[in-house]
C-alpha atoms as a PDB file:
ATOM      1  CA  MET A   1     144.706 -75.894-120.326  1.00  0.00           C
ATOM      2  CA  SER A   2     144.414 -79.014-118.281  1.00  0.00           C
ATOM      3  CA  ALA A   3     145.668 -82.432-119.434  1.00  0.00           C
ATOM      4  CA  GLN A   4     142.109 -83.185-120.719  1.00  0.00           C
ATOM      5  CA  GLY A   5     142.073 -80.032-122.811  1.00  0.00           C
ATOM      6  CA  GLU A   6     139.713 -78.044-120.558  1.00  0.00           C
ATOM      7  CA  PRO A   7     140.557 -74.521-119.407  1.00  0.00           C
ATOM      8  CA  GLU A   8     141.978 -74.416-115.890  1.00  0.00           C
ATOM      9  CA  ALA A   9     139.874 -72.455-113.324  1.00  0.00           C
ATOM     10  CA  ALA A  10     141.437 -69.214-112.377  1.00  0.00           C
ATOM     11  CA  GLU A  11     142.461 -68.863-108.738  1.00  0.00           C
ATOM     12  CA  PRO A  12     140.091 -66.461-106.905  1.00  0.00           C
ATOM     13  CA  HIS A  13     141.384 -62.975-106.400  1.00  0.00           C
ATOM     14  CA  TRP A  14     141.218 -63.004-102.533  1.00  0.00           C
ATOM     15  CA  LEU A  15     140.968 -59.902-100.471  1.00  0.00           C
ATOM     16  CA  THR A  16     144.023 -58.599 -98.656  1.00  0.00           C
ATOM     17  CA  ALA A  17     143.867 -58.400 -94.903  1.00  0.00           C
ATOM     18  CA  ASP A  18     143.171 -54.587 -95.088  1.00  0.00           C
ATOM     19  CA  GLN A  19     140.519 -55.084 -97.783  1.00  0.00           C
ATOM     20  CA  LEU A  20     138.881 -57.781 -95.706  1.00  0.00           C
ATOM     21  CA  ALA A  21     138.903 -55.602 -92.592  1.00  0.00           C
ATOM     22  CA  ALA A  22     137.340 -52.718 -94.503  1.00  0.00           C
ATOM     23  CA  TRP A  23     134.707 -54.914 -96.023  1.00  0.00           C
ATOM     24  CA  ARG A  24     133.810 -56.591 -92.701  1.00  0.00           C
ATOM     25  CA  GLY A  25     133.700 -53.172 -90.962  1.00  0.00           C
ATOM     26  CA  PHE A  26     131.357 -51.785 -93.646  1.00  0.00           C
ATOM     27  CA  MET A  27     129.091 -54.886 -93.537  1.00  0.00           C
ATOM     28  CA  ASN A  28     128.882 -54.633 -89.756  1.00  0.00           C
ATOM     29  CA  LEU A  29     127.919 -51.004 -90.056  1.00  0.00           C
ATOM     30  CA  LEU A  30     125.425 -51.854 -92.819  1.00  0.00           C
ATOM     31  CA  GLN A  31     123.699 -54.334 -90.479  1.00  0.00           C
ATOM     32  CA  ARG A  32     123.734 -52.374 -87.265  1.00  0.00           C
ATOM     33  CA  LEU A  33     122.876 -48.790 -88.331  1.00  0.00           C
ATOM     34  CA  PRO A  34     119.381 -49.462 -89.691  1.00  0.00           C
ATOM     35  CA  THR A  35     118.543 -51.395 -86.583  1.00  0.00           C
ATOM     36  CA  ALA A  36     119.722 -48.575 -84.331  1.00  0.00           C
ATOM     37  CA  LEU A  37     117.755 -46.070 -86.402  1.00  0.00           C
ATOM     38  CA  GLU A  38     114.680 -48.271 -86.413  1.00  0.00           C
ATOM     39  CA  TRP A  39     114.708 -48.635 -82.599  1.00  0.00           C
ATOM     40  CA  GLN A  40     114.313 -44.806 -82.242  1.00  0.00           C
ATOM     41  CA  LEU A  41     111.613 -44.660 -84.909  1.00  0.00           C
ATOM     42  CA  GLN A  42     109.629 -47.510 -83.388  1.00  0.00           C
ATOM     43  CA  ARG A  43     109.955 -45.990 -79.879  1.00  0.00           C
ATOM     44  CA  ASP A  44     109.114 -42.389 -80.827  1.00  0.00           C
ATOM     45  CA  ALA A  45     106.926 -42.681 -83.952  1.00  0.00           C
ATOM     46  CA  GLN A  46     105.675 -46.270 -84.117  1.00  0.00           C
ATOM     47  CA  LEU A  47     107.277 -46.487 -87.659  1.00  0.00           C
ATOM     48  CA  SER A  48     109.745 -48.970 -89.068  1.00  0.00           C
ATOM     49  CA  PHE A  49     112.713 -47.670 -90.866  1.00  0.00           C
ATOM     50  CA  ILE A  50     111.257 -48.629 -94.296  1.00  0.00           C
ATOM     51  CA  GLU A  51     107.926 -46.996 -93.436  1.00  0.00           C
ATOM     52  CA  TYR A  52     109.720 -43.754 -92.452  1.00  0.00           C
ATOM     53  CA  TYR A  53     111.795 -43.958 -95.657  1.00  0.00           C
ATOM     54  CA  VAL A  54     108.712 -44.345 -97.894  1.00  0.00           C
ATOM     55  CA  LEU A  55     106.921 -41.489 -96.199  1.00  0.00           C
ATOM     56  CA  ALA A  56     110.050 -39.344 -96.614  1.00  0.00           C
ATOM     57  CA  LEU A  57     110.422 -40.207-100.277  1.00  0.00           C
ATOM     58  CA  LEU A  58     106.784 -39.202-100.900  1.00  0.00           C
ATOM     59  CA  SER A  59     107.103 -36.019 -98.867  1.00  0.00           C
ATOM     60  CA  ASP A  60     109.807 -34.641-101.128  1.00  0.00           C
ATOM     61  CA  LEU A  61     107.691 -34.951-104.276  1.00  0.00           C
ATOM     62  CA  PRO A  62     105.609 -32.036-105.537  1.00  0.00           C
ATOM     63  CA  GLU A  63     102.256 -33.817-105.307  1.00  0.00           C
ATOM     64  CA  ARG A  64     103.527 -36.294-102.619  1.00  0.00           C
ATOM     65  CA  ARG A  65     102.598 -39.171-104.891  1.00  0.00           C
ATOM     66  CA  MET A  66     104.348 -41.897-106.839  1.00  0.00           C
ATOM     67  CA  ARG A  67     103.434 -45.134-108.691  1.00  0.00           C
ATOM     68  CA  MET A  68     103.674 -48.050-106.397  1.00  0.00           C
ATOM     69  CA  SER A  69     106.079 -49.867-108.799  1.00  0.00           C
ATOM     70  CA  GLU A  70     108.509 -46.876-108.762  1.00  0.00           C
ATOM     71  CA  LEU A  71     108.192 -46.519-105.006  1.00  0.00           C
ATOM     72  CA  ALA A  72     109.000 -50.206-104.582  1.00  0.00           C
ATOM     73  CA  ALA A  73     112.099 -49.737-106.770  1.00  0.00           C
ATOM     74  CA  ARG A  74     113.271 -46.694-104.809  1.00  0.00           C
ATOM     75  CA  ALA A  75     112.682 -48.400-101.520  1.00  0.00           C
ATOM     76  CA  ASN A  76     114.437 -51.549-102.780  1.00  0.00           C
ATOM     77  CA  SER A  77     111.340 -53.584-101.867  1.00  0.00           C
ATOM     78  CA  GLU A  78     109.230 -56.132-103.650  1.00  0.00           C
ATOM     79  CA  LEU A  79     105.967 -54.651-104.894  1.00  0.00           C
ATOM     80  CA  SER A  80     103.918 -57.222-102.868  1.00  0.00           C
ATOM     81  CA  ARG A  81     105.773 -56.409 -99.647  1.00  0.00           C
ATOM     82  CA  LEU A  82     105.430 -52.627-100.281  1.00  0.00           C
ATOM     83  CA  SER A  83     101.748 -53.103-100.991  1.00  0.00           C
ATOM     84  CA  HIS A  84     101.212 -54.737 -97.597  1.00  0.00           C
ATOM     85  CA  MET A  85     103.153 -51.958 -95.853  1.00  0.00           C
ATOM     86  CA  VAL A  86     101.200 -49.271 -97.693  1.00  0.00           C
ATOM     87  CA  GLY A  87      98.021 -51.020 -96.611  1.00  0.00           C
ATOM     88  CA  ARG A  88      99.068 -50.707 -93.023  1.00  0.00           C
ATOM     89  CA  LEU A  89      99.938 -47.097 -93.413  1.00  0.00           C
ATOM     90  CA  GLU A  90      96.643 -46.527 -95.215  1.00  0.00           C
ATOM     91  CA  LYS A  91      94.756 -47.908 -92.192  1.00  0.00           C
ATOM     92  CA  ARG A  92      96.540 -45.383 -90.016  1.00  0.00           C
ATOM     93  CA  GLY A  93      95.522 -42.536 -92.443  1.00  0.00           C
ATOM     94  CA  LEU A  94      99.114 -41.745 -93.464  1.00  0.00           C
ATOM     95  CA  LEU A  95      98.854 -42.802 -97.110  1.00  0.00           C
ATOM     96  CA  ARG A  96      96.096 -43.497 -99.570  1.00  0.00           C
ATOM     97  CA  ARG A  97      96.063 -45.259-102.932  1.00  0.00           C
ATOM     98  CA  GLU A  98      94.302 -44.350-106.091  1.00  0.00           C
ATOM     99  CA  PRO A  99      94.653 -45.285-109.750  1.00  0.00           C
ATOM    100  CA  ASP A 100      97.186 -43.477-111.892  1.00  0.00           C
ATOM    101  CA  PRO A 101      95.158 -40.885-113.807  1.00  0.00           C
ATOM    102  CA  CYS A 102      97.367 -41.313-116.872  1.00  0.00           C
ATOM    103  CA  ASP A 103      97.336 -45.074-116.937  1.00  0.00           C
ATOM    104  CA  GLY A 104      94.769 -46.964-114.846  1.00  0.00           C
ATOM    105  CA  ARG A 105      96.886 -50.155-114.867  1.00  0.00           C
ATOM    106  CA  TYR A 106      99.118 -48.493-112.204  1.00  0.00           C
ATOM    107  CA  THR A 107      98.295 -47.333-108.705  1.00  0.00           C
ATOM    108  CA  HIS A 108      99.712 -44.284-106.937  1.00  0.00           C
ATOM    109  CA  ALA A 109     100.657 -44.138-103.268  1.00  0.00           C
ATOM    110  CA  ILE A 110      99.878 -40.690-101.969  1.00  0.00           C
ATOM    111  CA  LEU A 111     101.081 -39.171 -98.709  1.00  0.00           C
ATOM    112  CA  THR A 112      98.011 -37.669 -96.969  1.00  0.00           C
ATOM    113  CA  ASP A 113      98.111 -34.322 -95.119  1.00  0.00           C
ATOM    114  CA  ALA A 114      97.894 -36.334 -91.871  1.00  0.00           C
ATOM    115  CA  GLY A 115     100.841 -38.458 -93.013  1.00  0.00           C
ATOM    116  CA  TYR A 116     102.849 -35.372 -93.907  1.00  0.00           C
ATOM    117  CA  ALA A 117     102.060 -33.912 -90.440  1.00  0.00           C
ATOM    118  CA  TYR A 118     102.968 -37.250 -88.806  1.00  0.00           C
ATOM    119  CA  LEU A 119     106.255 -37.399 -90.672  1.00  0.00           C
ATOM    120  CA  ALA A 120     107.067 -33.771 -89.801  1.00  0.00           C
ATOM    121  CA  GLU A 121     106.537 -34.652 -86.144  1.00  0.00           C
ATOM    122  CA  ALA A 122     108.747 -37.817 -86.360  1.00  0.00           C
ATOM    123  CA  ALA A 123     111.493 -36.141 -88.398  1.00  0.00           C
ATOM    124  CA  PRO A 124     113.294 -34.164 -85.579  1.00  0.00           C
ATOM    125  CA  GLY A 125     113.852 -37.296 -83.486  1.00  0.00           C
ATOM    126  CA  HIS A 126     115.065 -39.273 -86.477  1.00  0.00           C
ATOM    127  CA  VAL A 127     117.339 -36.507 -87.717  1.00  0.00           C
ATOM    128  CA  GLY A 128     118.752 -36.249 -84.152  1.00  0.00           C
ATOM    129  CA  ARG A 129     119.494 -39.952 -84.106  1.00  0.00           C
ATOM    130  CA  VAL A 130     121.115 -39.800 -87.586  1.00  0.00           C
ATOM    131  CA  ARG A 131     123.315 -36.962 -86.352  1.00  0.00           C
ATOM    132  CA  GLU A 132     124.186 -38.758 -83.125  1.00  0.00           C
ATOM    133  CA  LEU A 133     125.147 -42.035 -84.784  1.00  0.00           C
ATOM    134  CA  PHE A 134     126.507 -40.908 -88.095  1.00  0.00           C
ATOM    135  CA  ILE A 135     126.902 -37.266 -89.007  1.00  0.00           C
ATOM    136  CA  ASP A 136     128.496 -35.895 -85.838  1.00  0.00           C
ATOM    137  CA  VAL A 137     130.900 -38.829 -85.573  1.00  0.00           C
ATOM    138  CA  LEU A 138     132.552 -37.933 -88.943  1.00  0.00           C
ATOM    139  CA  ASP A 139     134.308 -34.701 -89.839  1.00  0.00           C
ATOM    140  CA  PRO A 140     133.333 -32.780 -93.075  1.00  0.00           C
ATOM    141  CA  GLU A 141     136.177 -34.363 -95.034  1.00  0.00           C
ATOM    142  CA  GLU A 142     135.177 -37.869 -94.000  1.00  0.00           C
ATOM    143  CA  LEU A 143     131.510 -37.141 -94.964  1.00  0.00           C
ATOM    144  CA  GLN A 144     132.593 -36.002 -98.413  1.00  0.00           C
ATOM    145  CA  THR A 145     134.807 -39.046 -98.845  1.00  0.00           C
ATOM    146  CA  LEU A 146     131.936 -41.344 -97.751  1.00  0.00           C
ATOM    147  CA  ARG A 147     129.583 -39.591-100.197  1.00  0.00           C
ATOM    148  CA  ARG A 148     132.064 -40.011-103.095  1.00  0.00           C
ATOM    149  CA  CYS A 149     132.565 -43.665-102.266  1.00  0.00           C
ATOM    150  CA  ALA A 150     128.785 -44.301-102.060  1.00  0.00           C
ATOM    151  CA  GLU A 151     128.344 -42.596-105.457  1.00  0.00           C
ATOM    152  CA  LYS A 152     131.149 -44.690-107.031  1.00  0.00           C
ATOM    153  CA  VAL A 153     129.739 -47.926-105.708  1.00  0.00           C
ATOM    154  CA  GLY A 154     126.201 -46.926-106.660  1.00  0.00           C
ATOM    155  CA  ALA A 155     127.385 -46.064-110.203  1.00  0.00           C
ATOM    156  CA  ARG A 156     129.023 -49.469-110.438  1.00  0.00           C
ATOM    157  CA  ILE A 157     125.861 -51.169-109.238  1.00  0.00           C
ATOM    158  CA  ASP A 158     123.744 -49.163-111.726  1.00  0.00           C
ATOM    159  CA  GLY A 159     126.057 -50.197-114.580  1.00  0.00           C
ATOM    160  CA  SER A 160     126.153 -53.804-113.565  1.00  0.00           C
ATOM    161  CA  PRO A 161     124.113 -56.126-115.887  1.00  0.00           C
ATOM    162  CA  GLU A 162     123.213 -58.340-112.890  1.00  0.00           C
ATOM    163  CA  LYS A 163     122.251 -55.541-110.520  1.00  0.00           C
ATOM    164  CA  GLY A 164     119.807 -56.657-107.893  1.00  0.00           C
ATOM    165  CA  GLY A 165     118.199 -53.245-107.355  1.00  0.00           C
ATOM    166  CA  THR A 166     117.993 -49.735-108.701  1.00  0.00           C
ATOM    167  CA  GLY A 167     121.255 -48.673-107.022  1.00  0.00           C
ATOM    168  CA  ARG A 168     119.615 -45.311-106.238  1.00  0.00           C
ATOM    169  CA  ALA A 169     120.939 -43.586-103.182  1.00  0.00           C
ATOM    170  CA  GLU A 170     117.731 -41.822-102.065  1.00  0.00           C
ATOM    171  CA  ASN A 171     117.996 -39.822 -98.803  1.00  0.00           C
ATOM    172  CA  PRO A 172     115.601 -41.084 -96.136  1.00  0.00           C
ATOM    173  CA  VAL A 173     116.215 -37.972 -94.053  1.00  0.00           C
ATOM    174  CA  GLY A 174     115.580 -35.484 -96.869  1.00  0.00           C
ATOM    175  CA  GLN A 175     116.909 -32.052 -97.269  1.00  0.00           C
ATOM    176  CA  ARG A 176     114.235 -30.547 -95.030  1.00  0.00           C
ATOM    177  CA  GLY A 177     114.665 -33.237 -92.322  1.00  0.00           C
ATOM    178  CA  ARG A 178     111.816 -35.481 -93.504  1.00  0.00           C
END
């Protein structure tokens, strides 16, 4: 307590030099990797990283469809931003939208056959770039450690009352390379 009877502010729990170096290294990677992946996608498939990610999410679903609101949550995007992006992909014939048959208040984004074929054509180049920049640089033990770390942090985010997103760790490459 201070002299005025107010509680004293606790001193911040600062990061150690090693913790700060790990944090800065991770943040540097977090900023640079999507840009490097996007460059390849733009060059080879005329897709942004988030466009590829959305197409890949839909490709792994049985009917290749999902409510727009759920898709926005999984893509960690605002619904309005996702809607604009889906509109652009719709004009290219890669996606279509239709009302949810169970509840017309919602809209589904649906990966078209043409969109699936386009994604299948784009996937090998993207997977190659993911391997080049990420997978092949790490040994199997490092990959397992990184996976466990991502799961732990994701679980903490999911359990946090002030989480800013879903904390879901969806795989933009997918098991079958999409």
